[in-house]
Amino acid sequence: MACTLSGAAQNKGYWRAASNTAESITGDLIISDSKVTINFTAFPMSQIRSLKPAEVSSAFGADLNAGGTGTLYRLTVPAAKRFLHHNTLCGTEDTQWMATYVSGKTMQVAFFSGANAPEFTMDALANSTDVCGTYTYVR
């Protein structure tokens, strides 16, 4: 349990957009215990579980031995919500899941649509229509 809490704690705080997709769609992020703030709009969220190293590797291409922590969150970002440059997170679908991976001062975030929790295997993610995009942030 302590590992889960410390892993989620690494996600908390202000994150600066670092990838082209983050800079052009979400801008900077702020993650707290109960919400994520994207482009100055807060969305309630709940932590679901920690991701296993193999799941982090599948979702973010991370080295299994690199360390870091991954977390799955449940949230709802309406499809109609527009962010930077009038972009959405998941097109015409509501964004319902967010997975994070923190390693050092870098965080990768993947957003997913779909009512069911994402399956974090290479095959499932490669064939999923629920994967919306992956973004990179730094502290």
N, C-alpha and C. Protein backbone atom coordinates (compact mmCIF):
# COMPACT_ATOMS: atom_id res chain seq x y z
N MET A 1 0.82 -1.20 0.00
CA MET A 1 0.00 0.00 0.00
C MET A 1 0.87 1.26 0.00
N ALA A 2 1.96 1.24 0.74
CA ALA A 2 2.83 2.42 0.79
C ALA A 2 3.40 2.72 -0.59
N CYS A 3 3.71 1.69 -1.37
CA CYS A 3 4.23 1.88 -2.72
C CYS A 3 3.18 2.57 -3.59
N THR A 4 1.91 2.17 -3.45
CA THR A 4 0.84 2.78 -4.21
C THR A 4 0.71 4.26 -3.88
N LEU A 5 0.76 4.58 -2.59
CA LEU A 5 0.62 5.97 -2.20
C LEU A 5 1.80 6.81 -2.65
N SER A 6 3.00 6.30 -2.51
CA SER A 6 4.16 7.08 -2.92
C SER A 6 4.21 7.22 -4.44
N GLY A 7 3.80 6.19 -5.17
CA GLY A 7 3.77 6.27 -6.63
C GLY A 7 2.79 7.33 -7.10
N ALA A 8 1.61 7.36 -6.52
CA ALA A 8 0.62 8.36 -6.89
C ALA A 8 1.07 9.75 -6.48
N ALA A 9 1.78 9.84 -5.36
CA ALA A 9 2.26 11.13 -4.89
C ALA A 9 3.24 11.75 -5.88
N GLN A 10 4.00 10.93 -6.59
CA GLN A 10 4.95 11.46 -7.58
C GLN A 10 4.23 12.18 -8.72
N ASN A 11 2.98 11.81 -8.98
CA ASN A 11 2.21 12.44 -10.05
C ASN A 11 1.73 13.84 -9.66
N LYS A 12 1.56 14.09 -8.39
CA LYS A 12 0.92 15.31 -7.92
C LYS A 12 1.76 16.54 -8.22
N GLY A 13 1.05 17.62 -8.51
CA GLY A 13 1.71 18.90 -8.71
C GLY A 13 1.59 19.43 -10.13
N TYR A 14 2.40 20.43 -10.39
CA TYR A 14 2.38 21.14 -11.67
C TYR A 14 3.34 20.48 -12.64
N TRP A 15 2.87 20.21 -13.86
CA TRP A 15 3.68 19.61 -14.91
C TRP A 15 3.63 20.49 -16.15
N ARG A 16 4.79 20.80 -16.69
CA ARG A 16 4.91 21.65 -17.87
C ARG A 16 4.88 20.80 -19.15
N ALA A 17 4.08 21.20 -20.12
CA ALA A 17 3.99 20.48 -21.39
C ALA A 17 5.36 20.42 -22.05
N ALA A 18 5.77 19.21 -22.49
CA ALA A 18 7.10 19.03 -23.08
C ALA A 18 7.05 18.46 -24.50
N SER A 19 6.03 17.69 -24.82
CA SER A 19 5.95 17.12 -26.18
C SER A 19 5.13 18.05 -27.07
N ASN A 20 5.28 17.88 -28.38
CA ASN A 20 4.50 18.69 -29.31
C ASN A 20 3.01 18.53 -29.09
N THR A 21 2.56 17.28 -28.84
CA THR A 21 1.13 17.06 -28.63
C THR A 21 0.65 17.75 -27.36
N ALA A 22 1.43 17.69 -26.29
CA ALA A 22 1.04 18.36 -25.05
C ALA A 22 1.01 19.88 -25.24
N GLU A 23 2.01 20.40 -25.94
CA GLU A 23 2.05 21.85 -26.17
C GLU A 23 0.91 22.33 -27.06
N SER A 24 0.45 21.49 -27.98
CA SER A 24 -0.58 21.94 -28.92
C SER A 24 -2.01 21.56 -28.51
N ILE A 25 -2.16 20.66 -27.52
CA ILE A 25 -3.51 20.25 -27.15
C ILE A 25 -3.85 20.59 -25.70
N THR A 26 -3.06 20.12 -24.74
CA THR A 26 -3.43 20.28 -23.33
C THR A 26 -2.79 21.48 -22.66
N GLY A 27 -1.61 21.87 -23.08
CA GLY A 27 -0.84 22.82 -22.30
C GLY A 27 -0.37 22.14 -21.03
N ASP A 28 -0.06 22.91 -20.03
CA ASP A 28 0.44 22.36 -18.77
C ASP A 28 -0.69 21.66 -18.00
N LEU A 29 -0.29 20.72 -17.12
CA LEU A 29 -1.24 19.97 -16.28
C LEU A 29 -0.96 20.23 -14.81
N ILE A 30 -2.01 20.15 -14.02
CA ILE A 30 -1.87 20.13 -12.56
C ILE A 30 -2.66 18.92 -12.07
N ILE A 31 -2.00 18.06 -11.30
CA ILE A 31 -2.65 16.87 -10.75
C ILE A 31 -2.69 17.00 -9.24
N SER A 32 -3.89 16.81 -8.68
CA SER A 32 -4.05 16.80 -7.22
C SER A 32 -4.67 15.45 -6.84
N ASP A 33 -5.01 15.31 -5.58
CA ASP A 33 -5.60 14.04 -5.11
C ASP A 33 -6.91 13.70 -5.81
N SER A 34 -7.70 14.71 -6.14
CA SER A 34 -9.04 14.43 -6.64
C SER A 34 -9.39 15.07 -7.98
N LYS A 35 -8.41 15.73 -8.62
CA LYS A 35 -8.71 16.34 -9.91
C LYS A 35 -7.46 16.53 -10.74
N VAL A 36 -7.69 16.65 -12.03
CA VAL A 36 -6.63 17.03 -12.97
C VAL A 36 -7.09 18.33 -13.62
N THR A 37 -6.18 19.29 -13.72
CA THR A 37 -6.49 20.56 -14.35
C THR A 37 -5.74 20.63 -15.67
N ILE A 38 -6.54 20.79 -16.74
CA ILE A 38 -6.02 20.86 -18.10
C ILE A 38 -6.44 22.19 -18.69
N ASN A 39 -5.48 22.99 -19.08
CA ASN A 39 -5.76 24.29 -19.68
C ASN A 39 -6.75 25.10 -18.83
N PHE A 40 -6.48 25.17 -17.53
CA PHE A 40 -7.24 25.96 -16.56
C PHE A 40 -8.64 25.43 -16.27
N THR A 41 -8.96 24.22 -16.70
CA THR A 41 -10.25 23.61 -16.38
C THR A 41 -9.99 22.35 -15.57
N ALA A 42 -10.64 22.25 -14.40
CA ALA A 42 -10.45 21.10 -13.51
C ALA A 42 -11.50 20.03 -13.78
N PHE A 43 -11.05 18.77 -13.77
CA PHE A 43 -11.93 17.63 -13.96
C PHE A 43 -11.73 16.68 -12.78
N PRO A 44 -12.84 16.29 -12.12
CA PRO A 44 -12.70 15.33 -11.01
C PRO A 44 -12.15 14.01 -11.52
N MET A 45 -11.36 13.34 -10.67
CA MET A 45 -10.82 12.03 -11.04
C MET A 45 -10.64 11.19 -9.79
N SER A 46 -10.53 9.88 -10.00
CA SER A 46 -10.30 8.93 -8.91
C SER A 46 -9.16 8.02 -9.30
N GLN A 47 -8.27 7.80 -8.35
CA GLN A 47 -7.19 6.84 -8.60
C GLN A 47 -7.77 5.45 -8.53
N ILE A 48 -7.50 4.63 -9.55
CA ILE A 48 -8.03 3.26 -9.61
C ILE A 48 -7.00 2.27 -9.09
N ARG A 49 -5.79 2.31 -9.64
CA ARG A 49 -4.76 1.36 -9.20
C ARG A 49 -3.41 1.75 -9.76
N SER A 50 -2.37 1.12 -9.20
CA SER A 50 -1.02 1.27 -9.74
C SER A 50 -0.87 0.35 -10.93
N LEU A 51 -0.05 0.75 -11.88
CA LEU A 51 0.24 -0.09 -13.04
C LEU A 51 1.48 -0.93 -12.75
N LYS A 52 1.45 -2.16 -13.20
CA LYS A 52 2.61 -3.05 -13.06
C LYS A 52 3.67 -2.64 -14.07
N PRO A 53 4.95 -2.97 -13.80
CA PRO A 53 6.02 -2.59 -14.74
C PRO A 53 5.76 -3.04 -16.18
N ALA A 54 5.22 -4.25 -16.38
CA ALA A 54 4.94 -4.72 -17.74
C ALA A 54 3.85 -3.88 -18.40
N GLU A 55 2.88 -3.40 -17.62
CA GLU A 55 1.82 -2.55 -18.16
C GLU A 55 2.37 -1.18 -18.56
N VAL A 56 3.26 -0.64 -17.73
CA VAL A 56 3.91 0.64 -18.04
C VAL A 56 4.73 0.50 -19.32
N SER A 57 5.44 -0.61 -19.46
CA SER A 57 6.24 -0.86 -20.65
C SER A 57 5.36 -0.92 -21.89
N SER A 58 4.21 -1.60 -21.80
CA SER A 58 3.29 -1.71 -22.94
C SER A 58 2.69 -0.36 -23.32
N ALA A 59 2.30 0.41 -22.33
CA ALA A 59 1.60 1.66 -22.60
C ALA A 59 2.53 2.79 -23.01
N PHE A 60 3.74 2.82 -22.43
CA PHE A 60 4.61 3.97 -22.63
C PHE A 60 5.96 3.63 -23.25
N GLY A 61 6.19 2.35 -23.56
CA GLY A 61 7.46 1.95 -24.15
C GLY A 61 8.63 2.06 -23.19
N ALA A 62 8.34 2.06 -21.91
CA ALA A 62 9.39 2.22 -20.90
C ALA A 62 10.15 0.91 -20.71
N ASP A 63 11.43 1.03 -20.41
CA ASP A 63 12.26 -0.13 -20.08
C ASP A 63 11.76 -0.71 -18.76
N LEU A 64 11.54 -2.03 -18.74
CA LEU A 64 11.04 -2.68 -17.52
C LEU A 64 11.94 -2.44 -16.32
N ASN A 65 13.22 -2.22 -16.54
CA ASN A 65 14.17 -2.04 -15.45
C ASN A 65 14.45 -0.57 -15.15
N ALA A 66 13.75 0.34 -15.81
CA ALA A 66 14.03 1.77 -15.66
C ALA A 66 13.50 2.36 -14.36
N GLY A 67 12.59 1.65 -13.71
CA GLY A 67 11.98 2.21 -12.51
C GLY A 67 10.85 3.14 -12.87
N GLY A 68 10.47 3.97 -11.95
CA GLY A 68 9.34 4.86 -12.17
C GLY A 68 8.05 4.19 -11.74
N THR A 69 6.98 4.95 -11.74
CA THR A 69 5.69 4.44 -11.30
C THR A 69 4.60 4.79 -12.29
N GLY A 70 3.62 3.92 -12.40
CA GLY A 70 2.47 4.16 -13.26
C GLY A 70 1.19 4.07 -12.47
N THR A 71 0.21 4.88 -12.85
CA THR A 71 -1.07 4.92 -12.14
C THR A 71 -2.19 5.06 -13.15
N LEU A 72 -3.30 4.38 -12.89
CA LEU A 72 -4.51 4.48 -13.70
C LEU A 72 -5.56 5.29 -12.93
N TYR A 73 -6.17 6.25 -13.61
CA TYR A 73 -7.20 7.09 -13.04
C TYR A 73 -8.48 7.00 -13.87
N ARG A 74 -9.60 7.22 -13.20
CA ARG A 74 -10.91 7.32 -13.86
C ARG A 74 -11.31 8.78 -13.83
N LEU A 75 -11.75 9.31 -14.95
CA LEU A 75 -12.21 10.69 -15.03
C LEU A 75 -13.20 10.81 -16.17
N THR A 76 -13.81 11.97 -16.30
CA THR A 76 -14.68 12.23 -17.45
C THR A 76 -14.37 13.62 -17.97
N VAL A 77 -13.88 13.65 -19.21
CA VAL A 77 -13.68 14.90 -19.93
C VAL A 77 -14.62 14.81 -21.12
N PRO A 78 -15.66 15.64 -21.16
CA PRO A 78 -16.63 15.56 -22.25
C PRO A 78 -15.99 15.76 -23.62
N ALA A 79 -16.50 15.04 -24.59
CA ALA A 79 -15.99 15.14 -25.96
C ALA A 79 -16.10 16.57 -26.50
N ALA A 80 -17.08 17.31 -26.03
CA ALA A 80 -17.30 18.67 -26.51
C ALA A 80 -16.29 19.67 -25.94
N LYS A 81 -15.53 19.27 -24.92
CA LYS A 81 -14.56 20.19 -24.30
C LYS A 81 -13.38 20.42 -25.24
N ARG A 82 -13.15 21.69 -25.56
CA ARG A 82 -12.05 22.08 -26.45
C ARG A 82 -10.91 22.65 -25.61
N PHE A 83 -9.70 22.32 -26.03
CA PHE A 83 -8.51 22.81 -25.35
C PHE A 83 -7.76 23.75 -26.28
N LEU A 84 -6.45 23.76 -26.23
CA LEU A 84 -5.66 24.65 -27.06
C LEU A 84 -5.94 24.39 -28.55
N HIS A 85 -5.99 25.45 -29.33
CA HIS A 85 -6.20 25.36 -30.78
C HIS A 85 -7.48 24.59 -31.12
N HIS A 86 -8.46 24.63 -30.23
CA HIS A 86 -9.78 23.99 -30.41
C HIS A 86 -9.68 22.47 -30.51
N ASN A 87 -8.64 21.87 -29.95
CA ASN A 87 -8.46 20.42 -29.98
C ASN A 87 -9.22 19.75 -28.84
N THR A 88 -9.56 18.48 -29.05
CA THR A 88 -10.17 17.64 -28.02
C THR A 88 -9.16 16.56 -27.65
N LEU A 89 -9.43 15.86 -26.55
CA LEU A 89 -8.54 14.76 -26.14
C LEU A 89 -8.81 13.48 -26.91
N CYS A 90 -10.09 13.15 -27.12
CA CYS A 90 -10.46 11.87 -27.74
C CYS A 90 -11.44 12.05 -28.89
N GLY A 91 -11.31 13.10 -29.64
CA GLY A 91 -12.20 13.29 -30.78
C GLY A 91 -13.64 13.45 -30.35
N THR A 92 -14.53 12.61 -30.88
CA THR A 92 -15.95 12.70 -30.57
C THR A 92 -16.35 11.84 -29.37
N GLU A 93 -15.38 11.21 -28.73
CA GLU A 93 -15.65 10.35 -27.57
C GLU A 93 -15.27 11.07 -26.27
N ASP A 94 -16.02 10.79 -25.19
CA ASP A 94 -15.63 11.29 -23.88
C ASP A 94 -14.34 10.61 -23.45
N THR A 95 -13.45 11.36 -22.80
CA THR A 95 -12.23 10.79 -22.23
C THR A 95 -12.61 10.25 -20.87
N GLN A 96 -12.36 8.95 -20.63
CA GLN A 96 -12.81 8.34 -19.39
C GLN A 96 -11.70 7.75 -18.53
N TRP A 97 -10.49 7.66 -19.07
CA TRP A 97 -9.37 7.07 -18.33
C TRP A 97 -8.10 7.87 -18.60
N MET A 98 -7.24 7.91 -17.60
CA MET A 98 -5.94 8.56 -17.74
C MET A 98 -4.92 7.66 -17.05
N ALA A 99 -3.86 7.34 -17.76
CA ALA A 99 -2.75 6.57 -17.18
C ALA A 99 -1.53 7.48 -17.16
N THR A 100 -0.79 7.42 -16.07
CA THR A 100 0.42 8.23 -15.96
C THR A 100 1.62 7.33 -15.68
N TYR A 101 2.78 7.79 -16.12
CA TYR A 101 4.04 7.12 -15.83
C TYR A 101 5.06 8.20 -15.50
N VAL A 102 5.58 8.15 -14.28
CA VAL A 102 6.56 9.14 -13.84
C VAL A 102 7.90 8.46 -13.66
N SER A 103 8.92 9.03 -14.27
CA SER A 103 10.30 8.58 -14.11
C SER A 103 11.16 9.83 -13.97
N GLY A 104 11.73 10.01 -12.80
CA GLY A 104 12.51 11.22 -12.55
C GLY A 104 11.62 12.45 -12.62
N LYS A 105 12.00 13.41 -13.45
CA LYS A 105 11.24 14.66 -13.58
C LYS A 105 10.40 14.70 -14.85
N THR A 106 10.12 13.51 -15.40
CA THR A 106 9.32 13.40 -16.62
C THR A 106 8.08 12.56 -16.33
N MET A 107 6.95 13.01 -16.85
CA MET A 107 5.71 12.25 -16.74
C MET A 107 5.11 12.09 -18.12
N GLN A 108 4.74 10.86 -18.45
CA GLN A 108 3.98 10.59 -19.66
C GLN A 108 2.54 10.32 -19.24
N VAL A 109 1.60 10.80 -20.03
CA VAL A 109 0.18 10.63 -19.76
C VAL A 109 -0.49 10.09 -21.01
N ALA A 110 -1.30 9.05 -20.84
CA ALA A 110 -2.10 8.51 -21.93
C ALA A 110 -3.57 8.67 -21.56
N PHE A 111 -4.37 9.16 -22.50
CA PHE A 111 -5.81 9.30 -22.30
C PHE A 111 -6.52 8.24 -23.13
N PHE A 112 -7.65 7.75 -22.57
CA PHE A 112 -8.43 6.70 -23.21
C PHE A 112 -9.91 7.03 -23.13
N SER A 113 -10.65 6.61 -24.16
CA SER A 113 -12.11 6.66 -24.12
C SER A 113 -12.57 5.25 -23.76
N GLY A 114 -13.86 5.02 -23.78
CA GLY A 114 -14.41 3.68 -23.52
C GLY A 114 -14.83 3.49 -22.08
N ALA A 115 -15.91 2.75 -21.91
CA ALA A 115 -16.47 2.52 -20.58
C ALA A 115 -15.61 1.58 -19.75
N ASN A 116 -14.93 0.65 -20.40
CA ASN A 116 -14.13 -0.34 -19.68
C ASN A 116 -12.69 0.15 -19.53
N ALA A 117 -12.08 -0.25 -18.42
CA ALA A 117 -10.69 0.12 -18.17
C ALA A 117 -9.80 -0.41 -19.29
N PRO A 118 -8.80 0.36 -19.69
CA PRO A 118 -7.90 -0.11 -20.74
C PRO A 118 -7.14 -1.36 -20.31
N GLU A 119 -6.86 -2.21 -21.27
CA GLU A 119 -6.04 -3.40 -21.03
C GLU A 119 -4.62 -3.04 -21.47
N PHE A 120 -3.68 -3.13 -20.54
CA PHE A 120 -2.31 -2.68 -20.78
C PHE A 120 -1.41 -3.81 -21.23
N THR A 121 -1.69 -4.32 -22.43
CA THR A 121 -0.79 -5.27 -23.09
C THR A 121 -0.48 -4.70 -24.47
N MET A 122 0.63 -5.12 -25.05
CA MET A 122 1.02 -4.59 -26.36
C MET A 122 -0.07 -4.85 -27.40
N ASP A 123 -0.59 -6.09 -27.45
CA ASP A 123 -1.63 -6.44 -28.42
C ASP A 123 -2.90 -5.62 -28.22
N ALA A 124 -3.36 -5.57 -26.98
CA ALA A 124 -4.61 -4.86 -26.69
C ALA A 124 -4.49 -3.38 -27.05
N LEU A 125 -3.40 -2.75 -26.68
CA LEU A 125 -3.23 -1.33 -26.97
C LEU A 125 -3.06 -1.07 -28.47
N ALA A 126 -2.35 -1.96 -29.17
CA ALA A 126 -2.15 -1.80 -30.60
C ALA A 126 -3.46 -1.92 -31.37
N ASN A 127 -4.39 -2.72 -30.86
CA ASN A 127 -5.66 -2.96 -31.54
C ASN A 127 -6.83 -2.18 -30.96
N SER A 128 -6.58 -1.34 -29.98
CA SER A 128 -7.65 -0.61 -29.30
C SER A 128 -8.04 0.65 -30.07
N THR A 129 -9.34 0.90 -30.11
CA THR A 129 -9.83 2.16 -30.66
C THR A 129 -10.04 3.19 -29.55
N ASP A 130 -9.75 2.80 -28.31
CA ASP A 130 -9.96 3.68 -27.16
C ASP A 130 -8.73 4.50 -26.78
N VAL A 131 -7.58 4.22 -27.40
CA VAL A 131 -6.37 5.00 -27.10
C VAL A 131 -6.50 6.35 -27.79
N CYS A 132 -6.44 7.42 -27.01
CA CYS A 132 -6.64 8.77 -27.58
C CYS A 132 -5.33 9.48 -27.88
N GLY A 133 -4.34 9.30 -27.05
CA GLY A 133 -3.07 9.98 -27.28
C GLY A 133 -2.19 9.91 -26.05
N THR A 134 -0.90 10.12 -26.29
CA THR A 134 0.10 10.11 -25.21
C THR A 134 0.83 11.44 -25.24
N TYR A 135 1.06 12.00 -24.07
CA TYR A 135 1.63 13.32 -23.90
C TYR A 135 2.79 13.25 -22.92
N THR A 136 3.75 14.15 -23.06
CA THR A 136 4.90 14.18 -22.16
C THR A 136 4.98 15.54 -21.47
N TYR A 137 5.27 15.49 -20.16
CA TYR A 137 5.37 16.68 -19.31
C TYR A 137 6.63 16.58 -18.48
N VAL A 138 7.13 17.72 -18.02
CA VAL A 138 8.32 17.76 -17.18
C VAL A 138 8.10 18.71 -16.02
N ARG A 139 8.95 18.53 -14.98
CA ARG A 139 8.94 19.45 -13.84
C ARG A 139 10.08 20.41 -13.98
